[in-house]
C-alpha atoms as a PDB file:
ATOM      1  CA  MET A   1      71.304  59.434 181.249  1.00  0.00           C
ATOM      2  CA  PRO A   2      74.972  60.001 182.120  1.00  0.00           C
ATOM      3  CA  ARG A   3      76.508  63.440 182.253  1.00  0.00           C
ATOM      4  CA  LEU A   4      79.947  64.789 181.749  1.00  0.00           C
ATOM      5  CA  PHE A   5      81.294  68.080 183.179  1.00  0.00           C
ATOM      6  CA  VAL A   6      84.357  70.219 182.527  1.00  0.00           C
ATOM      7  CA  GLU A   7      85.020  73.052 184.921  1.00  0.00           C
ATOM      8  CA  GLN A   8      86.985  76.051 183.721  1.00  0.00           C
ATOM      9  CA  LEU A   9      87.136  74.800 180.210  1.00  0.00           C
ATOM     10  CA  CYS A  10      88.320  78.177 178.986  1.00  0.00           C
ATOM     11  CA  THR A  11      87.882  81.871 179.513  1.00  0.00           C
ATOM     12  CA  ILE A  12      86.410  84.539 177.329  1.00  0.00           C
ATOM     13  CA  ASP A  13      87.571  88.161 177.194  1.00  0.00           C
ATOM     14  CA  PHE A  14      84.977  90.551 175.636  1.00  0.00           C
ATOM     15  CA  ALA A  15      83.080  93.762 175.996  1.00  0.00           C
ATOM     16  CA  TRP A  16      79.318  94.327 176.266  1.00  0.00           C
ATOM     17  CA  LEU A  17      76.690  97.001 176.288  1.00  0.00           C
ATOM     18  CA  HIS A  18      75.056  97.791 179.702  1.00  0.00           C
ATOM     19  CA  ASP A  19      71.779  99.754 179.860  1.00  0.00           C
ATOM     20  CA  ASP A  20      73.009 101.969 182.549  1.00  0.00           C
ATOM     21  CA  ARG A  21      76.875 101.945 182.419  1.00  0.00           C
ATOM     22  CA  GLY A  22      77.526 101.776 178.621  1.00  0.00           C
ATOM     23  CA  LEU A  23      80.566  99.877 177.504  1.00  0.00           C
ATOM     24  CA  LEU A  24      82.044  97.351 179.849  1.00  0.00           C
ATOM     25  CA  GLY A  25      85.077  95.045 179.404  1.00  0.00           C
ATOM     26  CA  ASP A  26      84.792  91.712 181.051  1.00  0.00           C
ATOM     27  CA  THR A  27      86.221  88.191 181.518  1.00  0.00           C
ATOM     28  CA  TRP A  28      84.083  85.137 182.189  1.00  0.00           C
ATOM     29  CA  ILE A  29      85.075  81.517 182.974  1.00  0.00           C
ATOM     30  CA  VAL A  30      83.280  78.858 180.898  1.00  0.00           C
ATOM     31  CA  ASP A  31      82.085  75.565 182.371  1.00  0.00           C
ATOM     32  CA  ALA A  32      80.391  72.847 180.318  1.00  0.00           C
ATOM     33  CA  ASP A  33      78.010  70.064 181.277  1.00  0.00           C
ATOM     34  CA  LEU A  34      77.168  67.387 178.560  1.00  0.00           C
ATOM     35  CA  GLU A  35      74.453  64.751 178.611  1.00  0.00           C
ATOM     36  CA  GLY A  36      74.241  61.818 176.223  1.00  0.00           C
ATOM     37  CA  ASP A  37      74.604  58.157 175.449  1.00  0.00           C
ATOM     38  CA  LEU A  38      77.842  56.290 175.950  1.00  0.00           C
ATOM     39  CA  ASP A  39      79.797  55.493 172.740  1.00  0.00           C
ATOM     40  CA  GLU A  40      81.707  52.336 171.935  1.00  0.00           C
ATOM     41  CA  GLN A  41      84.477  53.476 174.314  1.00  0.00           C
ATOM     42  CA  GLY A  42      82.003  53.777 177.217  1.00  0.00           C
ATOM     43  CA  MET A  43      82.348  57.591 177.065  1.00  0.00           C
ATOM     44  CA  ILE A  44      79.936  60.496 176.295  1.00  0.00           C
ATOM     45  CA  PHE A  45      82.929  62.328 174.775  1.00  0.00           C
ATOM     46  CA  ASP A  46      86.695  61.873 175.207  1.00  0.00           C
ATOM     47  CA  PHE A  47      88.089  64.498 177.595  1.00  0.00           C
ATOM     48  CA  ALA A  48      91.005  65.016 175.212  1.00  0.00           C
ATOM     49  CA  LYS A  49      88.502  66.121 172.627  1.00  0.00           C
ATOM     50  CA  VAL A  50      85.893  67.997 174.670  1.00  0.00           C
ATOM     51  CA  LYS A  51      87.921  71.103 175.392  1.00  0.00           C
ATOM     52  CA  PRO A  52      89.262  71.876 171.927  1.00  0.00           C
ATOM     53  CA  ALA A  53      85.880  71.106 170.279  1.00  0.00           C
ATOM     54  CA  ILE A  54      83.889  73.461 172.529  1.00  0.00           C
ATOM     55  CA  LYS A  55      86.669  76.126 172.844  1.00  0.00           C
ATOM     56  CA  GLU A  56      87.002  76.514 169.123  1.00  0.00           C
ATOM     57  CA  VAL A  57      83.288  77.436 168.807  1.00  0.00           C
ATOM     58  CA  VAL A  58      83.272  79.613 171.928  1.00  0.00           C
ATOM     59  CA  ASP A  59      86.372  81.533 170.738  1.00  0.00           C
ATOM     60  CA  ASP A  60      84.780  82.119 167.374  1.00  0.00           C
ATOM     61  CA  VAL A  61      81.423  83.116 168.555  1.00  0.00           C
ATOM     62  CA  VAL A  62      82.043  85.426 171.582  1.00  0.00           C
ATOM     63  CA  ASP A  63      85.680  85.813 172.477  1.00  0.00           C
ATOM     64  CA  HIS A  64      87.168  89.277 171.776  1.00  0.00           C
ATOM     65  CA  ARG A  65      83.901  90.516 170.529  1.00  0.00           C
ATOM     66  CA  LEU A  66      81.414  93.246 171.468  1.00  0.00           C
ATOM     67  CA  LEU A  67      78.257  91.522 172.859  1.00  0.00           C
ATOM     68  CA  VAL A  68      75.101  93.411 171.935  1.00  0.00           C
ATOM     69  CA  PRO A  69      71.603  92.846 173.320  1.00  0.00           C
ATOM     70  CA  LEU A  70      69.393  92.773 170.291  1.00  0.00           C
ATOM     71  CA  ARG A  71      66.191  93.675 172.140  1.00  0.00           C
ATOM     72  CA  ALA A  72      67.722  96.537 174.155  1.00  0.00           C
ATOM     73  CA  PRO A  73      65.281  99.558 173.844  1.00  0.00           C
ATOM     74  CA  GLY A  74      68.197 102.054 173.273  1.00  0.00           C
ATOM     75  CA  LEU A  75      69.772 100.095 170.399  1.00  0.00           C
ATOM     76  CA  GLU A  76      69.782 100.984 166.638  1.00  0.00           C
ATOM     77  CA  ILE A  77      71.619  98.716 164.114  1.00  0.00           C
ATOM     78  CA  GLU A  78      72.603  99.252 160.493  1.00  0.00           C
ATOM     79  CA  ARG A  79      74.052  96.223 158.676  1.00  0.00           C
ATOM     80  CA  ASP A  80      75.465  95.590 155.211  1.00  0.00           C
ATOM     81  CA  THR A  81      77.850  93.002 153.951  1.00  0.00           C
ATOM     82  CA  GLY A  82      80.964  94.827 154.909  1.00  0.00           C
ATOM     83  CA  GLU A  83      80.323  96.301 158.336  1.00  0.00           C
ATOM     84  CA  ILE A  84      77.851  96.784 161.198  1.00  0.00           C
ATOM     85  CA  ARG A  85      77.054 100.166 162.776  1.00  0.00           C
ATOM     86  CA  LEU A  86      75.560 100.575 166.216  1.00  0.00           C
ATOM     87  CA  LEU A  87      74.022 103.380 168.124  1.00  0.00           C
ATOM     88  CA  PHE A  88      73.328 102.640 171.826  1.00  0.00           C
ATOM     89  CA  ARG A  89      71.575 105.076 174.032  1.00  0.00           C
ATOM     90  CA  TYR A  90      71.657 104.618 177.853  1.00  0.00           C
ATOM     91  CA  GLY A  91      70.227 107.312 180.036  1.00  0.00           C
ATOM     92  CA  ASP A  92      71.128 110.718 178.644  1.00  0.00           C
ATOM     93  CA  ARG A  93      74.328 109.321 177.026  1.00  0.00           C
ATOM     94  CA  MET A  94      75.126 107.384 173.965  1.00  0.00           C
ATOM     95  CA  LEU A  95      77.825 105.192 172.295  1.00  0.00           C
ATOM     96  CA  ARG A  96      78.484 104.656 168.590  1.00  0.00           C
ATOM     97  CA  HIS A  97      80.433 101.678 167.219  1.00  0.00           C
ATOM     98  CA  ARG A  98      81.411 100.640 163.698  1.00  0.00           C
ATOM     99  CA  SER A  99      83.287  97.532 162.721  1.00  0.00           C
ATOM    100  CA  PRO A 100      83.402  94.491 160.517  1.00  0.00           C
ATOM    101  CA  PRO A 101      80.564  92.063 161.508  1.00  0.00           C
ATOM    102  CA  GLU A 102      82.830  89.455 163.020  1.00  0.00           C
ATOM    103  CA  ALA A 103      83.857  91.983 165.788  1.00  0.00           C
ATOM    104  CA  VAL A 104      80.267  91.958 167.174  1.00  0.00           C
ATOM    105  CA  CYS A 105      78.068  89.145 168.656  1.00  0.00           C
ATOM    106  CA  LEU A 106      74.299  89.829 168.616  1.00  0.00           C
ATOM    107  CA  ILE A 107      72.455  88.250 171.527  1.00  0.00           C
ATOM    108  CA  ASP A 108      68.760  87.726 171.319  1.00  0.00           C
ATOM    109  CA  SER A 109      68.016  89.310 174.696  1.00  0.00           C
ATOM    110  CA  ASP A 110      67.119  92.743 176.220  1.00  0.00           C
ATOM    111  CA  THR A 111      70.297  92.622 178.338  1.00  0.00           C
ATOM    112  CA  ILE A 112      73.557  90.771 178.373  1.00  0.00           C
ATOM    113  CA  SER A 113      73.619  88.137 181.136  1.00  0.00           C
ATOM    114  CA  ALA A 114      75.473  84.899 181.833  1.00  0.00           C
ATOM    115  CA  ASP A 115      72.180  83.009 181.128  1.00  0.00           C
ATOM    116  CA  ALA A 116      71.515  84.821 177.786  1.00  0.00           C
ATOM    117  CA  VAL A 117      75.080  84.306 176.591  1.00  0.00           C
ATOM    118  CA  GLY A 118      75.093  80.702 177.789  1.00  0.00           C
ATOM    119  CA  ARG A 119      71.958  79.874 175.757  1.00  0.00           C
ATOM    120  CA  HIS A 120      73.500  81.501 172.738  1.00  0.00           C
ATOM    121  CA  LEU A 121      76.677  79.375 173.063  1.00  0.00           C
ATOM    122  CA  GLU A 122      74.679  76.160 173.666  1.00  0.00           C
ATOM    123  CA  SER A 123      72.907  76.589 170.370  1.00  0.00           C
ATOM    124  CA  ALA A 124      76.177  77.319 168.632  1.00  0.00           C
ATOM    125  CA  VAL A 125      78.269  74.579 170.209  1.00  0.00           C
ATOM    126  CA  LEU A 126      75.877  71.564 170.177  1.00  0.00           C
ATOM    127  CA  PRO A 127      75.929  70.999 166.410  1.00  0.00           C
ATOM    128  CA  ALA A 128      79.732  70.708 166.633  1.00  0.00           C
ATOM    129  CA  LEU A 129      79.601  67.867 169.177  1.00  0.00           C
ATOM    130  CA  PRO A 130      79.127  64.116 168.383  1.00  0.00           C
ATOM    131  CA  GLY A 131      75.725  62.835 167.625  1.00  0.00           C
ATOM    132  CA  ASN A 132      75.453  60.880 170.912  1.00  0.00           C
ATOM    133  CA  VAL A 133      75.594  64.170 172.883  1.00  0.00           C
ATOM    134  CA  SER A 134      71.989  65.139 173.322  1.00  0.00           C
ATOM    135  CA  ARG A 135      72.197  68.039 175.697  1.00  0.00           C
ATOM    136  CA  LEU A 136      74.757  70.782 176.535  1.00  0.00           C
ATOM    137  CA  ARG A 137      74.706  73.360 179.274  1.00  0.00           C
ATOM    138  CA  VAL A 138      77.220  76.194 179.129  1.00  0.00           C
ATOM    139  CA  GLY A 139      77.812  77.968 182.509  1.00  0.00           C
ATOM    140  CA  LEU A 140      79.450  81.370 182.703  1.00  0.00           C
ATOM    141  CA  ARG A 141      80.922  82.978 185.830  1.00  0.00           C
ATOM    142  CA  GLU A 142      83.322  85.601 186.915  1.00  0.00           C
ATOM    143  CA  GLU A 143      86.616  84.939 188.618  1.00  0.00           C
ATOM    144  CA  SER A 144      86.460  85.124 192.444  1.00  0.00           C
ATOM    145  CA  ILE A 145      88.861  88.027 193.265  1.00  0.00           C
ATOM    146  CA  ASP A 146      90.079  88.534 196.787  1.00  0.00           C
ATOM    147  CA  GLY A 147      90.681  92.267 196.527  1.00  0.00           C
ATOM    148  CA  PRO A 148      90.322  95.268 194.124  1.00  0.00           C
ATOM    149  CA  TRP A 149      89.657  94.803 190.423  1.00  0.00           C
ATOM    150  CA  TYR A 150      88.529  96.858 187.499  1.00  0.00           C
ATOM    151  CA  ARG A 151      86.988  96.315 184.052  1.00  0.00           C
ATOM    152  CA  TYR A 152      88.565  97.904 181.050  1.00  0.00           C
ATOM    153  CA  ALA A 153      87.776  97.864 177.332  1.00  0.00           C
ATOM    154  CA  HIS A 154      90.320  98.647 174.534  1.00  0.00           C
ATOM    155  CA  GLY A 155      91.428  97.786 171.063  1.00  0.00           C
ATOM    156  CA  LEU A 156      94.956  97.196 169.711  1.00  0.00           C
ATOM    157  CA  ARG A 157      95.177  98.561 166.187  1.00  0.00           C
ATOM    158  CA  GLN A 158      98.503  96.868 165.457  1.00  0.00           C
ATOM    159  CA  HIS A 159      97.628  93.468 166.802  1.00  0.00           C
ATOM    160  CA  GLU A 160      97.628  90.639 164.206  1.00  0.00           C
ATOM    161  CA  GLY A 161      94.790  88.763 165.887  1.00  0.00           C
ATOM    162  CA  ASN A 162      91.349  89.589 167.315  1.00  0.00           C
ATOM    163  CA  CYS A 163      92.730  92.067 169.892  1.00  0.00           C
ATOM    164  CA  GLN A 164      92.679  94.599 167.078  1.00  0.00           C
ATOM    165  CA  ARG A 165      88.939  94.840 167.533  1.00  0.00           C
ATOM    166  CA  ILE A 166      88.261  98.251 168.993  1.00  0.00           C
ATOM    167  CA  ALA A 167      85.721  97.191 171.713  1.00  0.00           C
ATOM    168  CA  HIS A 168      86.808  94.052 173.552  1.00  0.00           C
ATOM    169  CA  GLY A 169      87.979  93.914 177.171  1.00  0.00           C
ATOM    170  CA  HIS A 170      88.802  92.241 180.429  1.00  0.00           C
ATOM    171  CA  ARG A 171      87.900  92.042 184.104  1.00  0.00           C
ATOM    172  CA  SER A 172      91.208  92.174 185.998  1.00  0.00           C
ATOM    173  CA  ARG A 173      92.526  91.961 189.451  1.00  0.00           C
ATOM    174  CA  VAL A 174      95.408  94.312 190.339  1.00  0.00           C
ATOM    175  CA  ARG A 175      98.339  93.650 192.687  1.00  0.00           C
ATOM    176  CA  ILE A 176     100.623  96.528 193.769  1.00  0.00           C
ATOM    177  CA  LEU A 177     103.654  96.129 196.121  1.00  0.00           C
ATOM    178  CA  ARG A 178     104.896  99.370 197.746  1.00  0.00           C
ATOM    179  CA  ASP A 179     108.392  98.989 199.239  1.00  0.00           C
ATOM    180  CA  GLY A 180     108.000  95.181 199.070  1.00  0.00           C
ATOM    181  CA  GLN A 181     104.609  95.027 200.836  1.00  0.00           C
ATOM    182  CA  ARG A 182     101.234  94.644 199.199  1.00  0.00           C
ATOM    183  CA  CYS A 183      99.381  98.050 199.343  1.00  0.00           C
ATOM    184  CA  GLU A 184      95.679  97.399 199.012  1.00  0.00           C
ATOM    185  CA  ALA A 185      94.886 101.105 199.506  1.00  0.00           C
ATOM    186  CA  THR A 186      96.825 101.858 196.296  1.00  0.00           C
ATOM    187  CA  GLU A 187      95.131  98.940 194.523  1.00  0.00           C
ATOM    188  CA  ARG A 188      91.728 100.345 195.620  1.00  0.00           C
ATOM    189  CA  TRP A 189      92.744 103.757 194.283  1.00  0.00           C
ATOM    190  CA  LEU A 190      93.482 102.329 190.863  1.00  0.00           C
ATOM    191  CA  ALA A 191      90.427 100.069 190.839  1.00  0.00           C
ATOM    192  CA  ASP A 192      88.180 103.007 191.580  1.00  0.00           C
ATOM    193  CA  ARG A 193      89.855 105.177 188.896  1.00  0.00           C
ATOM    194  CA  TRP A 194      89.432 102.418 186.326  1.00  0.00           C
ATOM    195  CA  ARG A 195      86.177 100.767 187.495  1.00  0.00           C
ATOM    196  CA  ASP A 196      84.576 100.816 183.949  1.00  0.00           C
ATOM    197  CA  ILE A 197      87.292 102.408 181.781  1.00  0.00           C
ATOM    198  CA  TYR A 198      88.103 102.494 178.115  1.00  0.00           C
ATOM    199  CA  LEU A 199      91.855 102.628 177.759  1.00  0.00           C
ATOM    200  CA  GLY A 200      92.627 104.481 174.505  1.00  0.00           C
ATOM    201  CA  CYS A 201      95.715 105.380 172.496  1.00  0.00           C
ATOM    202  CA  ASP A 202      96.358 109.018 171.533  1.00  0.00           C
ATOM    203  CA  GLN A 203      97.171 108.037 168.024  1.00  0.00           C
ATOM    204  CA  ASP A 204      93.688 106.553 167.566  1.00  0.00           C
ATOM    205  CA  LEU A 205      91.866 109.561 168.922  1.00  0.00           C
ATOM    206  CA  LYS A 206      90.338 111.408 165.979  1.00  0.00           C
ATOM    207  CA  GLU A 207      87.867 113.899 167.550  1.00  0.00           C
ATOM    208  CA  LYS A 208      86.594 115.433 170.716  1.00  0.00           C
ATOM    209  CA  VAL A 209      82.988 116.567 170.452  1.00  0.00           C
ATOM    210  CA  THR A 210      80.263 117.734 172.821  1.00  0.00           C
ATOM    211  CA  LEU A 211      76.742 116.497 172.130  1.00  0.00           C
ATOM    212  CA  ASP A 212      73.742 117.532 174.223  1.00  0.00           C
ATOM    213  CA  GLY A 213      76.097 118.731 176.946  1.00  0.00           C
ATOM    214  CA  VAL A 214      78.097 115.491 177.085  1.00  0.00           C
ATOM    215  CA  ASN A 215      81.802 115.348 176.123  1.00  0.00           C
ATOM    216  CA  TYR A 216      82.693 112.446 173.851  1.00  0.00           C
ATOM    217  CA  LEU A 217      85.863 111.056 172.271  1.00  0.00           C
ATOM    218  CA  ARG A 218      85.970 109.409 168.856  1.00  0.00           C
ATOM    219  CA  PHE A 219      88.529 106.713 168.216  1.00  0.00           C
ATOM    220  CA  ALA A 220      89.046 105.269 164.755  1.00  0.00           C
ATOM    221  CA  TYR A 221      91.622 103.212 162.904  1.00  0.00           C
ATOM    222  CA  ARG A 222      92.158 100.771 160.081  1.00  0.00           C
ATOM    223  CA  ALA A 223      93.466  97.291 161.097  1.00  0.00           C
ATOM    224  CA  PRO A 224      93.997  94.127 159.152  1.00  0.00           C
ATOM    225  CA  GLN A 225      90.322  93.047 159.761  1.00  0.00           C
ATOM    226  CA  GLY A 226      88.903  96.306 158.486  1.00  0.00           C
ATOM    227  CA  GLU A 227      87.784  99.736 159.631  1.00  0.00           C
ATOM    228  CA  PHE A 228      86.925 100.380 163.315  1.00  0.00           C
ATOM    229  CA  GLU A 229      85.316 103.381 164.982  1.00  0.00           C
ATOM    230  CA  LEU A 230      84.096 104.067 168.588  1.00  0.00           C
ATOM    231  CA  LEU A 231      82.481 107.135 170.045  1.00  0.00           C
ATOM    232  CA  LEU A 232      82.053 107.092 173.898  1.00  0.00           C
ATOM    233  CA  GLU A 233      81.952 109.460 176.930  1.00  0.00           C
ATOM    234  CA  ALA A 234      85.165 111.304 177.441  1.00  0.00           C
ATOM    235  CA  GLY A 235      84.881 110.793 181.252  1.00  0.00           C
ATOM    236  CA  ARG A 236      84.860 106.968 180.784  1.00  0.00           C
ATOM    237  CA  SER A 237      88.151 106.912 178.829  1.00  0.00           C
ATOM    238  CA  GLU A 238      91.834 107.442 179.718  1.00  0.00           C
ATOM    239  CA  LEU A 239      94.546 107.985 177.138  1.00  0.00           C
ATOM    240  CA  LEU A 240      97.827 106.126 177.813  1.00  0.00           C
ATOM    241  CA  GLY A 241      99.977 107.750 175.126  1.00  0.00           C
ATOM    242  CA  THR A 242     100.865 104.276 173.945  1.00  0.00           C
ATOM    243  CA  GLU A 243      99.094 101.157 172.736  1.00  0.00           C
ATOM    244  CA  SER A 244      96.975  99.648 175.552  1.00  0.00           C
ATOM    245  CA  THR A 245      98.859  96.259 175.699  1.00  0.00           C
ATOM    246  CA  VAL A 246      99.093  94.882 179.179  1.00  0.00           C
ATOM    247  CA  GLU A 247     102.897  95.638 179.110  1.00  0.00           C
ATOM    248  CA  CYS A 248     102.101  99.274 178.401  1.00  0.00           C
ATOM    249  CA  ILE A 249      99.368  99.301 180.987  1.00  0.00           C
ATOM    250  CA  ALA A 250     101.733  98.034 183.686  1.00  0.00           C
ATOM    251  CA  GLU A 251     104.314 100.709 182.803  1.00  0.00           C
ATOM    252  CA  TYR A 252     101.567 103.403 182.738  1.00  0.00           C
ATOM    253  CA  VAL A 253     100.270 102.445 186.130  1.00  0.00           C
ATOM    254  CA  LEU A 254     103.917 102.556 187.410  1.00  0.00           C
ATOM    255  CA  ARG A 255     104.302 106.135 186.207  1.00  0.00           C
ATOM    256  CA  LEU A 256     101.077 107.189 187.878  1.00  0.00           C
ATOM    257  CA  LEU A 257     102.225 105.774 191.150  1.00  0.00           C
ATOM    258  CA  LYS A 258     105.640 107.332 190.942  1.00  0.00           C
ATOM    259  CA  GLU A 259     103.916 110.739 190.286  1.00  0.00           C
ATOM    260  CA  ARG A 260     101.990 110.209 193.542  1.00  0.00           C
ATOM    261  CA  ASP A 261     105.063 109.155 195.517  1.00  0.00           C
ATOM    262  CA  ARG A 262     108.526 109.380 194.099  1.00  0.00           C
ATOM    263  CA  THR A 263     110.136 108.111 197.311  1.00  0.00           C
ATOM    264  CA  ALA A 264     108.572 104.647 197.267  1.00  0.00           C
ATOM    265  CA  ALA A 265     109.573 101.595 195.195  1.00  0.00           C
ATOM    266  CA  TYR A 266     106.643  99.945 193.381  1.00  0.00           C
ATOM    267  CA  GLU A 267     105.974  96.631 191.690  1.00  0.00           C
ATOM    268  CA  VAL A 268     102.838  96.671 189.514  1.00  0.00           C
ATOM    269  CA  ARG A 269     101.323  93.274 188.478  1.00  0.00           C
ATOM    270  CA  ALA A 270      98.723  94.202 185.894  1.00  0.00           C
ATOM    271  CA  TYR A 271      96.396  91.443 184.808  1.00  0.00           C
ATOM    272  CA  GLU A 272      94.770  91.001 181.415  1.00  0.00           C
ATOM    273  CA  GLY A 273      91.770  88.933 182.408  1.00  0.00           C
ATOM    274  CA  LEU A 274      92.520  85.658 184.160  1.00  0.00           C
ATOM    275  CA  ASN A 275      95.995  84.496 185.188  1.00  0.00           C
ATOM    276  CA  LYS A 276      98.025  86.432 182.768  1.00  0.00           C
ATOM    277  CA  GLY A 277      99.545  89.846 182.607  1.00  0.00           C
ATOM    278  CA  ALA A 278     102.684  92.032 182.883  1.00  0.00           C
ATOM    279  CA  ILE A 279     104.968  93.357 185.656  1.00  0.00           C
ATOM    280  CA  ALA A 280     106.528  96.751 185.944  1.00  0.00           C
ATOM    281  CA  CYS A 281     108.906  97.838 188.672  1.00  0.00           C
ATOM    282  CA  GLY A 282     110.492 101.053 189.711  1.00  0.00           C
END
C-alpha cells in the first residue's frame, strides 16, 4: 500500500511533567507518515491539504498545553466542568497546577515520551483525515542544536491566545555575540543557569511559602480563558520583572550580561522554540 510522508509538518511548544525534574518547557518537531489507497486523483492526500488538516488537530490537542502522564505514580487530579487541578509529587518536591481543562492534555502513560504523545496524536488526527487514509504515524523529535540551549516554561497573562496558559514552554537555542564575535562560553553560562527554568513575572507572584523544608513560589492570575495558578520550587524559577515575552527575555538577558561586563558590546538572539525569537543589543 502506498505511503505519503511530510517532514517537519509543524512544531509544538508545550510543557510537561517529568518524574525527576518536575515542570519542563519543550519544543518538538512533528513529522507525519500516511498510508492508504489512492483517490481519483492518484493521491493518498493532496499535499496542499495534508499540513493544515493535521496541524489544526495537533495545535488543538497538544500545542501550548501542559502534558500530564495520567499513570504517573505521583499524580493526583481533581476535575469538574470549569477547571482541572493537579498535584504532582516527584522525589521530595511537588508542583500544583490549576487551570481551565483546555490548558492541559492528559496522556495515557506513566511518563511523557515522543512515542506516547505520538500515539495520542495519531488517535486524535486519523478521524479528521479522508476515509482512504488507513494508517497514520506521527513522529516527534527535538531540533538538532549545535551549541548551548535551555528549556523554559512560562505563561503570558495578557496574551490574547494560548500563550496565556500558565504552564507551556519552549526548548530554545541561544546565540550571543560579544564585541561582534560569537561567545559560546557566555551562551553556556546562560544555558546552565536556565536549563529547566520557569520564567515568571513579579506581578503574577502571589506567595512565597516553605513546605517540608522546600521553598516554593505561587503564581496566579485571571486571563481571558479563565483562572490559572501554579506552585513550583523557588529554585527553579527566575523573576524577570516584566512579562516573559521573548522580546522581554532578550532584553533581560542583555541586562544580565551588561552587569557581568559593562565594557563589552553584546547582541543577544533569544529563541522562542524553533526558528523565531527576538534580538537585543547593547
